[in-house]
N, C-alpha and C. Protein backbone atom coordinates (compact mmCIF):
# COMPACT_ATOMS: atom_id res chain seq x y z
N MET A 1 -3.85 14.61 10.17
CA MET A 1 -4.37 14.01 8.95
C MET A 1 -5.87 13.93 9.56
N SER A 2 -6.53 13.29 8.55
CA SER A 2 -8.19 13.03 8.86
C SER A 2 -8.56 11.59 8.55
N THR A 3 -10.05 11.31 8.60
CA THR A 3 -10.75 10.57 7.92
C THR A 3 -11.82 11.29 7.37
N ALA A 4 -12.65 10.01 6.59
CA ALA A 4 -13.56 10.53 5.89
C ALA A 4 -14.80 8.94 5.99
N VAL A 5 -15.75 9.53 5.81
CA VAL A 5 -17.17 8.53 5.47
C VAL A 5 -17.52 8.41 4.43
N ILE A 6 -17.34 7.74 3.79
CA ILE A 6 -18.85 7.75 2.34
C ILE A 6 -20.12 6.83 3.00
N ILE A 7 -21.78 7.40 2.56
CA ILE A 7 -22.11 6.92 2.98
C ILE A 7 -23.42 5.90 1.63
N GLY A 8 -22.94 4.63 1.86
CA GLY A 8 -24.06 4.60 1.03
C GLY A 8 -25.41 4.25 0.72
N GLY A 9 -26.28 3.17 -0.47
CA GLY A 9 -27.36 3.24 -0.33
C GLY A 9 -28.04 1.83 0.50
N GLY A 10 -27.20 1.24 1.25
CA GLY A 10 -27.02 -0.18 1.59
C GLY A 10 -28.05 0.30 3.82
N ASP A 11 -28.03 -0.64 4.17
CA ASP A 11 -28.45 -0.77 5.53
C ASP A 11 -28.08 0.55 6.38
N PHE A 12 -28.67 1.70 6.56
CA PHE A 12 -28.11 2.32 7.67
C PHE A 12 -27.44 2.02 8.91
N PRO A 13 -26.19 1.90 9.51
CA PRO A 13 -26.18 0.94 10.54
C PRO A 13 -27.10 1.74 12.22
N ARG A 14 -27.06 1.19 13.25
CA ARG A 14 -27.95 0.87 13.93
C ARG A 14 -26.91 0.86 14.98
N LYS A 15 -26.15 -0.05 15.16
CA LYS A 15 -25.36 -0.01 16.03
C LYS A 15 -23.90 1.16 16.53
N PRO A 16 -23.61 0.64 17.41
CA PRO A 16 -22.31 2.32 18.15
C PRO A 16 -20.98 2.26 16.98
N TYR A 17 -20.54 1.71 16.51
CA TYR A 17 -19.07 1.58 16.13
C TYR A 17 -19.35 2.38 14.28
N PRO A 18 -20.22 1.42 13.81
CA PRO A 18 -20.14 2.11 12.70
C PRO A 18 -20.81 3.64 12.92
N ARG A 19 -21.87 4.27 13.91
CA ARG A 19 -22.35 5.46 13.87
C ARG A 19 -21.10 6.34 14.74
N GLU A 20 -20.00 5.69 15.59
CA GLU A 20 -19.30 7.05 15.97
C GLU A 20 -18.24 6.67 14.49
N LEU A 21 -17.97 6.56 13.73
CA LEU A 21 -17.32 6.49 12.78
C LEU A 21 -17.71 8.00 11.83
N ILE A 22 -19.31 7.85 11.69
CA ILE A 22 -19.64 8.89 10.79
C ILE A 22 -19.42 10.05 12.19
N ARG A 23 -19.88 9.95 13.41
CA ARG A 23 -19.74 10.95 14.09
C ARG A 23 -18.39 12.05 14.32
N ARG A 24 -17.57 10.87 14.08
CA ARG A 24 -16.26 11.54 14.27
C ARG A 24 -15.55 11.86 13.17
N ALA A 25 -16.09 11.61 11.80
CA ALA A 25 -15.48 11.70 10.27
C ALA A 25 -14.70 13.27 10.13
N ASP A 26 -14.10 13.55 9.05
CA ASP A 26 -13.91 15.25 8.90
C ASP A 26 -14.23 15.67 7.83
N VAL A 27 -15.03 14.16 7.44
CA VAL A 27 -15.84 14.25 5.71
C VAL A 27 -15.96 13.65 5.95
N ILE A 28 -17.60 13.92 5.07
CA ILE A 28 -18.84 13.12 5.05
C ILE A 28 -19.13 13.29 3.48
N VAL A 29 -19.09 12.08 3.05
CA VAL A 29 -19.72 12.31 1.33
C VAL A 29 -20.68 11.30 1.64
N CYS A 30 -22.81 11.53 0.48
CA CYS A 30 -22.68 10.69 0.42
C CYS A 30 -23.27 10.36 -0.98
N CYS A 31 -23.99 8.82 -1.13
CA CYS A 31 -23.64 8.43 -2.33
C CYS A 31 -25.32 8.66 -2.88
N ASP A 32 -25.67 9.92 -3.21
CA ASP A 32 -26.74 10.36 -4.30
C ASP A 32 -27.76 10.79 -3.44
N GLY A 33 -29.02 10.15 -3.76
CA GLY A 33 -30.55 10.68 -3.21
C GLY A 33 -30.37 10.24 -1.50
N ASN A 34 -30.55 8.75 -2.23
CA ASN A 34 -31.23 7.56 -0.83
C ASN A 34 -29.91 8.02 -0.04
N ALA A 35 -29.08 7.83 -0.45
CA ALA A 35 -27.29 7.87 1.38
C ALA A 35 -28.35 9.15 1.40
N LEU A 36 -28.12 10.20 0.59
CA LEU A 36 -28.73 11.76 1.38
C LEU A 36 -29.77 11.39 2.56
N LYS A 37 -30.59 11.08 2.52
CA LYS A 37 -32.33 10.90 3.19
C LYS A 37 -31.63 9.90 4.37
N ALA A 38 -30.95 8.57 3.96
CA ALA A 38 -30.50 7.80 5.06
C ALA A 38 -29.82 9.00 6.33
N PHE A 39 -28.91 9.16 5.99
CA PHE A 39 -27.98 10.25 6.13
C PHE A 39 -28.76 11.97 7.45
N LEU A 40 -30.33 12.13 7.05
CA LEU A 40 -30.29 13.39 7.50
C LEU A 40 -31.63 12.03 8.96
N ARG A 41 -31.81 11.25 8.03
CA ARG A 41 -32.98 10.61 8.78
C ARG A 41 -31.96 10.91 10.54
N ASN A 42 -31.02 9.69 10.00
CA ASN A 42 -29.97 9.33 11.47
C ASN A 42 -29.40 10.89 12.16
N ARG A 43 -29.41 11.54 11.45
CA ARG A 43 -28.45 13.09 12.24
C ARG A 43 -28.55 13.59 13.47
N GLU A 44 -29.70 13.41 13.97
CA GLU A 44 -30.16 13.93 15.17
C GLU A 44 -29.49 12.85 16.19
N SER A 45 -29.74 11.75 15.83
CA SER A 45 -29.70 10.63 16.79
C SER A 45 -27.95 10.81 16.68
N ILE A 46 -27.02 10.54 15.76
CA ILE A 46 -25.60 10.48 15.81
C ILE A 46 -25.27 11.51 16.01
N PHE A 47 -25.39 13.28 16.20
CA PHE A 47 -25.23 14.50 15.77
C PHE A 47 -25.72 15.77 17.62
N GLY A 48 -26.45 14.66 17.74
CA GLY A 48 -27.32 15.86 18.89
C GLY A 48 -27.60 16.99 18.42
N GLU A 49 -27.63 18.24 19.37
CA GLU A 49 -27.51 19.18 18.89
C GLU A 49 -26.52 19.76 18.50
N ASN A 50 -25.34 18.90 18.15
CA ASN A 50 -23.83 19.64 17.35
C ASN A 50 -24.03 18.70 16.03
N SER A 51 -25.70 19.55 15.21
CA SER A 51 -25.61 18.61 13.75
C SER A 51 -25.29 18.90 12.56
N ARG A 52 -25.08 18.49 11.92
CA ARG A 52 -24.06 19.02 10.48
C ARG A 52 -24.63 18.17 9.37
N GLU A 53 -23.80 19.26 8.29
CA GLU A 53 -24.24 19.08 6.69
C GLU A 53 -23.26 17.11 5.70
N PRO A 54 -23.74 17.26 4.82
CA PRO A 54 -22.63 16.28 4.33
C PRO A 54 -21.76 17.13 3.88
N ASP A 55 -20.75 16.91 3.35
CA ASP A 55 -19.50 17.78 2.92
C ASP A 55 -19.80 18.00 1.65
N ALA A 56 -20.38 16.50 0.99
CA ALA A 56 -20.61 16.73 -1.16
C ALA A 56 -21.35 15.31 -0.72
N ILE A 57 -22.18 15.57 -2.07
CA ILE A 57 -22.66 14.76 -2.12
C ILE A 57 -22.75 13.89 -3.86
N VAL A 58 -22.37 13.34 -4.09
CA VAL A 58 -21.50 12.85 -5.50
C VAL A 58 -22.20 11.54 -5.88
N GLY A 59 -22.91 11.89 -7.30
CA GLY A 59 -23.71 10.43 -8.31
C GLY A 59 -23.67 11.01 -9.12
N ASP A 60 -24.53 9.90 -9.51
CA ASP A 60 -25.27 10.24 -10.92
C ASP A 60 -26.71 11.19 -10.79
N MET A 61 -27.01 10.84 -8.88
CA MET A 61 -28.03 11.85 -8.91
C MET A 61 -29.90 11.24 -9.33
N ASP A 62 -30.08 9.83 -9.53
CA ASP A 62 -30.85 9.49 -10.41
C ASP A 62 -31.75 8.96 -9.32
N SER A 63 -30.98 9.57 -7.68
CA SER A 63 -32.59 9.14 -6.86
C SER A 63 -32.92 10.54 -5.83
N LEU A 64 -32.14 11.40 -6.02
CA LEU A 64 -32.39 12.00 -5.15
C LEU A 64 -33.76 13.42 -6.61
N SER A 65 -34.99 13.20 -5.58
CA SER A 65 -35.44 14.22 -5.11
C SER A 65 -35.46 16.15 -5.42
N PRO A 66 -36.40 16.42 -6.21
CA PRO A 66 -35.98 17.41 -6.72
C PRO A 66 -36.19 18.44 -5.17
N ALA A 67 -36.73 18.13 -4.62
CA ALA A 67 -36.60 19.42 -3.87
C ALA A 67 -35.42 19.25 -2.69
N LEU A 68 -34.79 18.23 -2.35
CA LEU A 68 -34.05 17.54 -2.11
C LEU A 68 -32.08 17.81 -3.21
N ALA A 69 -32.56 18.12 -4.61
CA ALA A 69 -31.70 18.75 -5.39
C ALA A 69 -31.65 20.19 -4.79
N LYS A 70 -32.65 20.95 -4.68
CA LYS A 70 -32.63 22.18 -5.04
C LYS A 70 -32.52 22.94 -3.08
N LYS A 71 -32.54 22.47 -2.68
CA LYS A 71 -31.79 22.34 -1.30
C LYS A 71 -30.63 22.17 -0.69
N TYR A 72 -29.78 20.80 -1.10
CA TYR A 72 -28.12 21.48 -1.24
C TYR A 72 -28.05 21.36 -2.24
N SER A 73 -28.36 22.09 -3.38
CA SER A 73 -27.39 22.56 -4.76
C SER A 73 -26.13 22.84 -4.37
N LYS A 74 -25.63 23.56 -3.48
CA LYS A 74 -23.97 23.48 -3.38
C LYS A 74 -22.92 22.41 -3.10
N LEU A 75 -24.02 21.54 -2.57
CA LEU A 75 -23.42 20.56 -1.85
C LEU A 75 -23.58 19.01 -3.92
N LEU A 76 -24.54 19.61 -4.44
CA LEU A 76 -24.18 18.38 -5.36
C LEU A 76 -23.06 18.42 -5.93
N VAL A 77 -22.68 17.67 -6.48
CA VAL A 77 -21.27 16.96 -7.32
C VAL A 77 -21.82 15.84 -8.48
N ARG A 78 -22.77 16.33 -8.93
CA ARG A 78 -23.32 15.32 -10.37
C ARG A 78 -22.21 14.82 -11.56
N ILE A 79 -22.03 13.27 -11.62
CA ILE A 79 -21.09 13.09 -12.98
C ILE A 79 -21.76 11.59 -13.06
N LYS A 80 -21.94 11.65 -14.35
CA LYS A 80 -23.38 11.26 -14.99
C LYS A 80 -22.72 9.61 -16.01
N GLU A 81 -21.69 10.21 -15.62
CA GLU A 81 -21.19 8.90 -16.34
C GLU A 81 -21.24 6.95 -15.46
N GLN A 82 -21.60 6.27 -16.64
CA GLN A 82 -22.24 4.98 -15.71
C GLN A 82 -20.74 3.98 -15.64
N ASP A 83 -19.77 4.14 -16.03
CA ASP A 83 -18.51 3.66 -16.19
C ASP A 83 -18.27 3.40 -14.51
N ASP A 84 -18.82 3.62 -13.94
CA ASP A 84 -18.23 3.40 -11.67
C ASP A 84 -19.91 3.60 -11.56
N ASN A 85 -19.37 2.98 -10.78
CA ASN A 85 -20.70 3.47 -9.18
C ASN A 85 -20.41 4.94 -8.37
N ASP A 86 -22.05 4.67 -7.52
CA ASP A 86 -22.00 6.00 -6.69
C ASP A 86 -20.37 5.97 -5.89
N GLN A 87 -19.98 4.50 -5.91
CA GLN A 87 -19.40 4.32 -4.42
C GLN A 87 -17.90 4.68 -4.65
N THR A 88 -17.39 4.15 -5.51
CA THR A 88 -16.57 4.40 -6.73
C THR A 88 -15.98 6.46 -6.88
N LYS A 89 -17.17 6.76 -7.64
CA LYS A 89 -17.51 8.55 -7.58
C LYS A 89 -16.39 9.15 -6.76
N ALA A 90 -17.35 8.65 -5.55
CA ALA A 90 -17.86 9.98 -4.34
C ALA A 90 -15.96 9.62 -3.39
N LEU A 91 -15.23 7.96 -3.64
CA LEU A 91 -13.89 7.70 -3.13
C LEU A 91 -12.63 8.51 -4.22
N ARG A 92 -13.42 8.78 -5.78
CA ARG A 92 -12.44 9.69 -5.86
C ARG A 92 -12.63 11.03 -5.54
N PHE A 93 -13.65 11.19 -5.63
CA PHE A 93 -13.80 13.06 -4.92
C PHE A 93 -13.21 13.46 -4.04
N ILE A 94 -12.88 12.55 -3.31
CA ILE A 94 -12.41 12.59 -1.86
C ILE A 94 -10.80 12.72 -1.90
N LEU A 95 -9.95 11.45 -2.66
CA LEU A 95 -9.12 11.26 -3.11
C LEU A 95 -8.60 12.67 -3.68
N ASN A 96 -9.37 13.46 -4.84
CA ASN A 96 -9.29 14.28 -5.90
C ASN A 96 -9.49 15.54 -4.49
N ASN A 97 -9.95 15.71 -3.28
CA ASN A 97 -10.55 17.01 -3.13
C ASN A 97 -9.68 17.30 -1.43
N PHE A 98 -9.70 15.94 -1.17
CA PHE A 98 -9.16 15.93 0.66
C PHE A 98 -7.59 15.21 0.52
N PRO A 99 -6.62 15.92 0.45
CA PRO A 99 -5.29 15.40 0.29
C PRO A 99 -5.27 14.82 1.54
N ASP A 100 -5.62 15.57 2.34
CA ASP A 100 -5.13 14.75 4.09
C ASP A 100 -5.74 13.94 4.68
N VAL A 101 -7.15 13.36 4.23
CA VAL A 101 -7.92 12.21 4.10
C VAL A 101 -6.56 11.23 4.13
N ASP A 102 -6.59 10.20 5.18
CA ASP A 102 -5.59 9.33 5.39
C ASP A 102 -6.24 7.92 5.13
N THR A 103 -7.86 8.42 6.09
CA THR A 103 -8.58 6.55 6.54
C THR A 103 -10.14 6.92 5.39
N VAL A 104 -10.51 6.36 4.55
CA VAL A 104 -11.84 6.19 4.29
C VAL A 104 -13.00 4.73 5.12
N HIS A 105 -14.04 4.94 5.26
CA HIS A 105 -14.83 4.10 6.16
C HIS A 105 -16.56 4.03 5.12
N PHE A 106 -16.25 3.28 4.22
CA PHE A 106 -17.67 3.09 3.34
C PHE A 106 -18.28 2.43 4.91
N ILE A 107 -19.58 3.03 4.72
CA ILE A 107 -20.74 3.17 5.79
C ILE A 107 -22.06 2.83 4.76
N ALA A 108 -22.66 1.94 4.83
CA ALA A 108 -24.23 1.45 4.29
C ALA A 108 -23.87 1.31 3.06
N ALA A 109 -22.62 0.37 3.08
CA ALA A 109 -22.01 0.32 1.66
C ALA A 109 -22.92 -1.47 0.88
N THR A 110 -23.78 -2.05 2.25
CA THR A 110 -24.23 -3.00 2.62
C THR A 110 -25.23 -3.30 2.64
N GLY A 111 -25.77 -4.47 2.26
CA GLY A 111 -27.06 -4.85 2.71
C GLY A 111 -27.90 -4.58 1.86
N LYS A 112 -29.71 -5.00 1.42
CA LYS A 112 -30.98 -4.03 0.70
C LYS A 112 -31.19 -4.70 -0.02
N ARG A 113 -29.78 -5.03 -1.26
CA ARG A 113 -29.77 -5.92 -2.53
C ARG A 113 -28.66 -6.45 -2.35
N GLU A 114 -28.48 -8.05 -2.50
CA GLU A 114 -26.98 -9.07 -2.62
C GLU A 114 -26.20 -8.24 -3.99
N ASP A 115 -26.65 -7.79 -4.94
CA ASP A 115 -25.42 -7.61 -6.15
C ASP A 115 -24.84 -6.38 -5.93
N HIS A 116 -25.79 -5.07 -4.98
CA HIS A 116 -24.82 -4.15 -4.47
C HIS A 116 -23.84 -4.17 -3.51
N THR A 117 -24.64 -5.32 -2.61
CA THR A 117 -22.96 -6.25 -1.62
C THR A 117 -21.98 -6.72 -2.01
N VAL A 118 -22.74 -7.30 -2.96
CA VAL A 118 -21.12 -8.29 -3.68
C VAL A 118 -20.15 -7.11 -4.62
N GLY A 119 -20.75 -6.61 -5.10
CA GLY A 119 -20.16 -5.62 -5.59
C GLY A 119 -18.89 -4.57 -5.06
N ASN A 120 -20.12 -4.22 -4.08
CA ASN A 120 -18.88 -3.18 -3.66
C ASN A 120 -18.32 -3.78 -2.86
N LEU A 121 -18.53 -4.76 -1.96
CA LEU A 121 -17.54 -5.54 -1.60
C LEU A 121 -15.61 -6.27 -2.46
N GLY A 122 -16.38 -6.82 -3.56
CA GLY A 122 -15.15 -6.93 -4.29
C GLY A 122 -14.93 -5.38 -5.39
N LEU A 123 -15.11 -4.01 -4.84
CA LEU A 123 -14.65 -2.61 -5.21
C LEU A 123 -13.15 -2.46 -4.51
N LEU A 124 -13.80 -3.13 -3.05
CA LEU A 124 -12.40 -2.83 -2.06
C LEU A 124 -11.19 -3.37 -2.81
N MET A 125 -11.34 -4.39 -3.48
CA MET A 125 -10.02 -5.58 -3.40
C MET A 125 -9.33 -4.21 -4.81
N GLU A 126 -10.25 -3.98 -6.11
CA GLU A 126 -9.80 -3.24 -6.39
C GLU A 126 -9.45 -2.03 -6.63
N TYR A 127 -10.01 -1.78 -5.11
CA TYR A 127 -9.06 0.03 -4.65
C TYR A 127 -7.87 -0.21 -4.57
N ALA A 128 -7.65 -1.59 -4.17
CA ALA A 128 -6.19 -1.19 -3.42
C ALA A 128 -4.96 -1.71 -4.58
N ARG A 129 -5.49 -2.54 -5.76
CA ARG A 129 -4.80 -2.53 -6.40
C ARG A 129 -4.56 -1.30 -7.88
N SER A 130 -5.58 -0.53 -7.51
CA SER A 130 -5.75 0.65 -8.30
C SER A 130 -5.44 2.00 -7.87
N LEU A 131 -6.49 2.37 -6.66
CA LEU A 131 -6.01 3.37 -6.11
C LEU A 131 -5.26 3.60 -5.10
N PRO A 132 -4.33 4.25 -5.00
CA PRO A 132 -3.14 4.19 -4.51
C PRO A 132 -3.87 5.84 -2.89
N GLY A 133 -3.24 5.41 -1.85
CA GLY A 133 -3.47 6.45 -1.22
C GLY A 133 -4.37 6.30 0.70
N PRO A 134 -5.40 6.45 1.05
CA PRO A 134 -5.72 6.50 2.57
C PRO A 134 -5.89 4.83 2.53
N ALA A 135 -6.30 3.95 3.64
CA ALA A 135 -6.73 3.12 4.57
C ALA A 135 -8.25 2.84 3.74
N LEU A 136 -8.96 1.75 3.54
CA LEU A 136 -9.75 1.54 2.86
C LEU A 136 -10.42 1.10 4.03
N ASP A 137 -12.14 0.96 4.42
CA ASP A 137 -12.74 -0.08 4.79
C ASP A 137 -13.66 -0.46 4.35
N MET A 138 -14.95 -1.24 5.09
CA MET A 138 -16.44 -0.73 4.83
C MET A 138 -16.80 -1.73 6.00
N VAL A 139 -17.52 -1.30 7.18
CA VAL A 139 -18.38 -1.10 8.02
C VAL A 139 -19.55 -1.17 7.66
N SER A 140 -20.43 -2.25 8.76
CA SER A 140 -21.13 -2.82 9.22
C SER A 140 -21.76 -2.32 10.27
N ASP A 141 -22.86 -3.18 10.78
CA ASP A 141 -23.48 -3.55 11.87
C ASP A 141 -22.72 -5.22 12.46
N TYR A 142 -22.77 -5.85 11.27
CA TYR A 142 -22.01 -7.59 11.07
C TYR A 142 -20.50 -7.26 11.25
N SER A 143 -20.02 -6.37 10.72
CA SER A 143 -18.83 -6.21 10.27
C SER A 143 -17.55 -5.86 10.27
N THR A 144 -16.54 -5.53 9.51
CA THR A 144 -15.63 -5.32 8.83
C THR A 144 -14.60 -5.85 7.14
N ALA A 145 -14.64 -4.51 6.76
CA ALA A 145 -14.02 -5.53 4.88
C ALA A 145 -13.50 -5.00 4.97
N PHE A 146 -11.61 -5.14 4.63
CA PHE A 146 -10.72 -4.93 4.17
C PHE A 146 -10.17 -5.95 3.15
N ALA A 147 -9.39 -4.90 1.91
CA ALA A 147 -8.27 -5.95 1.23
C ALA A 147 -6.82 -6.10 1.45
N VAL A 148 -6.19 -6.59 1.05
CA VAL A 148 -4.32 -6.44 1.24
C VAL A 148 -3.89 -6.86 -0.40
N THR A 149 -3.07 -6.75 -0.55
CA THR A 149 -2.28 -7.60 -1.79
C THR A 149 -1.08 -8.19 -1.24
N ASP A 150 -0.42 -8.11 -0.18
CA ASP A 150 0.64 -9.15 -0.54
C ASP A 150 0.59 -9.50 0.88
N SER A 151 1.55 -10.20 1.24
CA SER A 151 1.73 -10.90 2.84
C SER A 151 1.90 -9.77 3.96
N CYS A 152 1.43 -10.26 4.92
CA CYS A 152 1.16 -9.13 5.81
C CYS A 152 1.16 -9.93 7.43
N LYS A 153 0.60 -8.63 8.21
CA LYS A 153 0.55 -9.14 9.70
C LYS A 153 -0.58 -8.04 10.07
N LEU A 154 -1.81 -9.01 10.55
CA LEU A 154 -2.88 -8.96 10.75
C LEU A 154 -3.08 -8.44 12.55
N PHE A 155 -2.88 -7.49 13.12
CA PHE A 155 -3.53 -7.40 14.44
C PHE A 155 -5.01 -6.98 14.58
N LEU A 156 -5.69 -8.39 15.44
CA LEU A 156 -6.70 -8.48 14.91
C LEU A 156 -7.60 -8.82 16.56
N GLY A 157 -6.36 -9.45 16.92
CA GLY A 157 -7.51 -9.68 18.49
C GLY A 157 -7.46 -11.22 18.36
N LYS A 158 -7.35 -12.29 18.93
CA LYS A 158 -8.23 -13.43 19.58
C LYS A 158 -8.92 -13.69 19.69
N GLY A 159 -9.82 -14.93 18.79
CA GLY A 159 -11.05 -15.45 18.99
C GLY A 159 -11.95 -14.22 17.68
N ARG A 160 -12.01 -13.88 17.29
CA ARG A 160 -12.29 -13.09 16.13
C ARG A 160 -12.45 -13.80 14.75
N ARG A 161 -13.99 -13.39 14.53
CA ARG A 161 -14.50 -14.68 12.65
C ARG A 161 -13.66 -14.02 12.16
N ILE A 162 -12.92 -14.39 11.27
CA ILE A 162 -12.73 -13.45 9.77
C ILE A 162 -13.12 -15.18 8.84
N SER A 163 -13.06 -14.13 7.26
CA SER A 163 -13.11 -15.12 6.43
C SER A 163 -12.46 -14.51 5.11
N ILE A 164 -11.85 -14.95 4.27
CA ILE A 164 -10.98 -14.44 3.26
C ILE A 164 -11.19 -15.34 1.80
N PHE A 165 -11.25 -14.27 1.16
CA PHE A 165 -11.64 -14.08 -0.22
C PHE A 165 -10.93 -13.40 -1.35
N SER A 166 -10.46 -14.12 -2.28
CA SER A 166 -10.06 -14.00 -3.10
C SER A 166 -9.77 -14.44 -5.16
N PRO A 167 -10.05 -13.45 -6.15
CA PRO A 167 -10.53 -14.13 -7.08
C PRO A 167 -9.23 -14.44 -7.66
N ASP A 168 -7.72 -15.13 -7.02
CA ASP A 168 -7.28 -15.62 -7.95
C ASP A 168 -6.79 -16.99 -7.47
N ASN A 169 -7.42 -18.30 -8.83
CA ASN A 169 -6.89 -19.67 -8.45
C ASN A 169 -5.24 -19.78 -7.88
N SER A 170 -4.78 -19.10 -8.51
CA SER A 170 -3.56 -18.74 -8.87
C SER A 170 -2.51 -19.12 -7.14
N LEU A 171 -3.50 -18.39 -6.40
CA LEU A 171 -3.48 -18.12 -4.98
C LEU A 171 -2.62 -19.21 -4.33
N LYS A 172 -0.76 -18.71 -3.62
CA LYS A 172 -0.41 -20.43 -2.33
C LYS A 172 -1.21 -18.64 -0.61
N LEU A 173 -1.93 -19.58 -0.06
CA LEU A 173 -1.70 -18.46 1.06
C LEU A 173 -1.76 -19.68 2.01
N THR A 174 -0.87 -18.95 3.12
CA THR A 174 -0.26 -19.80 4.01
C THR A 174 -0.53 -18.71 5.53
N SER A 175 -1.08 -19.00 6.27
CA SER A 175 -1.19 -18.70 7.70
C SER A 175 -1.02 -19.56 9.29
N LYS A 176 -0.64 -17.91 9.92
CA LYS A 176 -0.05 -18.62 11.01
C LYS A 176 -1.31 -17.53 12.07
N GLY A 177 -1.85 -18.12 12.93
CA GLY A 177 -2.99 -17.68 13.94
C GLY A 177 -4.10 -18.37 13.78
N LEU A 178 -4.44 -18.71 12.85
CA LEU A 178 -6.35 -19.23 12.48
C LEU A 178 -6.13 -20.56 13.02
N GLN A 179 -7.27 -20.58 13.52
CA GLN A 179 -7.91 -22.07 13.78
C GLN A 179 -7.68 -22.94 12.49
N TRP A 180 -7.85 -22.88 11.88
CA TRP A 180 -7.55 -23.78 9.94
C TRP A 180 -7.18 -22.78 8.84
N GLN A 181 -5.68 -23.78 8.80
CA GLN A 181 -4.82 -23.75 8.17
C GLN A 181 -4.85 -22.89 6.68
N THR A 182 -5.15 -22.16 6.08
CA THR A 182 -5.24 -21.40 4.35
C THR A 182 -4.03 -22.65 3.23
N SER A 183 -3.18 -22.72 4.09
CA SER A 183 -2.13 -24.16 2.82
C SER A 183 -2.81 -24.00 1.46
N GLY A 184 -3.72 -25.09 2.62
CA GLY A 184 -4.35 -25.85 1.22
C GLY A 184 -5.44 -25.38 0.17
N VAL A 185 -5.44 -24.05 0.78
CA VAL A 185 -6.31 -23.98 0.02
C VAL A 185 -7.16 -23.62 -1.49
N VAL A 186 -7.99 -23.23 -2.50
CA VAL A 186 -7.36 -22.95 -3.76
C VAL A 186 -8.71 -22.02 -3.61
N PHE A 187 -8.15 -20.99 -3.92
CA PHE A 187 -9.89 -20.12 -4.27
C PHE A 187 -10.39 -19.99 -5.32
N ASP A 188 -11.25 -20.79 -5.84
CA ASP A 188 -11.93 -21.29 -6.58
C ASP A 188 -13.59 -20.88 -7.20
N ASN A 189 -13.65 -20.82 -5.72
CA ASN A 189 -15.23 -20.26 -5.52
C ASN A 189 -15.35 -19.17 -3.82
N TRP A 190 -16.33 -18.60 -3.44
CA TRP A 190 -16.40 -17.78 -2.31
C TRP A 190 -16.10 -18.27 -1.04
N TRP A 191 -16.59 -19.62 -1.63
CA TRP A 191 -16.61 -20.30 0.69
C TRP A 191 -14.90 -21.40 1.42
N PRO A 192 -14.45 -21.46 0.08
CA PRO A 192 -13.31 -22.28 0.89
C PRO A 192 -12.72 -21.54 2.22
N ALA A 193 -12.34 -20.58 1.96
CA ALA A 193 -11.14 -20.29 3.09
C ALA A 193 -12.06 -19.56 4.25
N THR A 194 -13.57 -19.42 4.36
CA THR A 194 -14.47 -18.65 5.18
C THR A 194 -15.17 -19.10 6.59
N LEU A 195 -15.27 -18.83 7.55
CA LEU A 195 -15.82 -19.05 8.65
C LEU A 195 -14.67 -19.49 9.35
N ASN A 196 -13.85 -19.10 9.44
CA ASN A 196 -12.08 -19.18 9.81
C ASN A 196 -12.09 -18.81 11.62
N ARG A 197 -11.22 -18.60 12.50
CA ARG A 197 -11.32 -17.35 14.00
C ARG A 197 -9.88 -17.66 13.86
N THR A 198 -10.25 -16.40 14.34
CA THR A 198 -8.26 -16.37 14.85
C THR A 198 -8.02 -16.64 16.06
N MET A 199 -6.78 -17.72 16.48
CA MET A 199 -6.20 -18.11 17.44
C MET A 199 -5.37 -17.59 18.76
N GLU A 200 -4.25 -15.85 17.78
CA GLU A 200 -3.64 -15.28 18.41
C GLU A 200 -4.26 -14.00 18.03
N ASP A 201 -3.82 -13.00 18.82
CA ASP A 201 -3.95 -11.74 18.50
C ASP A 201 -2.98 -10.86 17.44
N ALA A 202 -2.15 -11.69 16.09
CA ALA A 202 -1.99 -11.46 14.95
C ALA A 202 -2.41 -12.25 14.24
N VAL A 203 -2.06 -12.05 13.29
CA VAL A 203 -2.20 -13.20 12.24
C VAL A 203 -1.54 -13.18 11.20
N GLN A 204 -0.66 -13.98 10.68
CA GLN A 204 0.38 -13.87 9.50
C GLN A 204 -0.34 -14.17 8.23
N LEU A 205 0.18 -13.29 7.28
CA LEU A 205 -0.79 -13.96 6.11
C LEU A 205 0.72 -14.30 4.89
N THR A 206 1.23 -15.33 4.49
CA THR A 206 1.97 -15.74 3.47
C THR A 206 1.63 -15.59 1.86
N PHE A 207 1.66 -15.03 1.52
CA PHE A 207 1.38 -14.95 -0.20
C PHE A 207 2.32 -15.84 -1.27
N SER A 208 1.88 -16.24 -1.53
CA SER A 208 2.87 -17.27 -2.79
C SER A 208 3.14 -15.65 -4.23
N HIS A 209 2.46 -15.32 -4.37
CA HIS A 209 2.71 -13.54 -5.58
C HIS A 209 1.86 -12.57 -4.86
N LYS A 210 1.26 -11.40 -5.62
CA LYS A 210 1.15 -10.18 -5.16
C LYS A 210 -0.09 -10.89 -5.31
N SER A 211 -1.00 -10.32 -4.87
CA SER A 211 -2.88 -10.31 -5.86
C SER A 211 -4.31 -9.87 -4.71
N LEU A 212 -4.65 -10.71 -5.18
CA LEU A 212 -5.55 -9.26 -4.01
C LEU A 212 -6.61 -10.28 -3.50
N VAL A 213 -6.76 -10.10 -2.04
CA VAL A 213 -7.09 -10.70 -1.37
C VAL A 213 -8.44 -9.75 -0.27
N LEU A 214 -9.58 -9.80 -0.03
CA LEU A 214 -10.42 -9.64 1.55
C LEU A 214 -10.75 -9.81 1.91
N ILE A 215 -10.92 -9.32 2.78
CA ILE A 215 -10.83 -10.00 4.53
C ILE A 215 -11.81 -8.94 5.13
N ILE A 216 -12.99 -10.14 5.75
CA ILE A 216 -14.34 -9.59 6.81
C ILE A 216 -14.10 -10.72 7.86
N THR A 217 -13.99 -10.10 8.69
CA THR A 217 -14.45 -9.84 9.96
C THR A 217 -15.31 -9.26 10.68
N ASP A 218 -15.70 -9.90 11.52
CA ASP A 218 -16.62 -9.80 13.16
C ASP A 218 -16.49 -8.35 13.53
């Protein structure tokens, strides 16, 4: 099995962990031109002398310069439809072309524009519901985000910051291992289950029914 990273047009990471995910990835896909330019600027500092090219550049190519389009023409996967954003197009490209990938990390998917950040984080829940396949997370210099759709035990480690979001205001979510219990939370806005902390190595979340939940940890 193998891992893939999808590099977006947000804030390119500076800290070691997300950069190490890029260095170790078996598959690297850039979302359009801005992501490619960020990858190229940081390539030497990540890979050193063992530099590499991305495996594909996926998107509508609205941010790709003619010079880069010519240079990387063999790597371009141009998808003009606008029903999905470039992040989703890149994920589907990986699912269709790299069946051995069992983990996908979204890198540089947040930052710079709040609307893109919120939209991309929301898409993690949509992927969990509609695109079965590899484990997915979104990693930045500040956090790791992932989605769950049913009761689960999360092995996060004690003392981690954690925030929980859901678009489902009918969901009743009970928890074990958090500083503040979630059983009384009504998910009618973004903030009610944010800024919590893990008090045990493992956190148990129990759903009243299958639903969509986004977890963000430090």
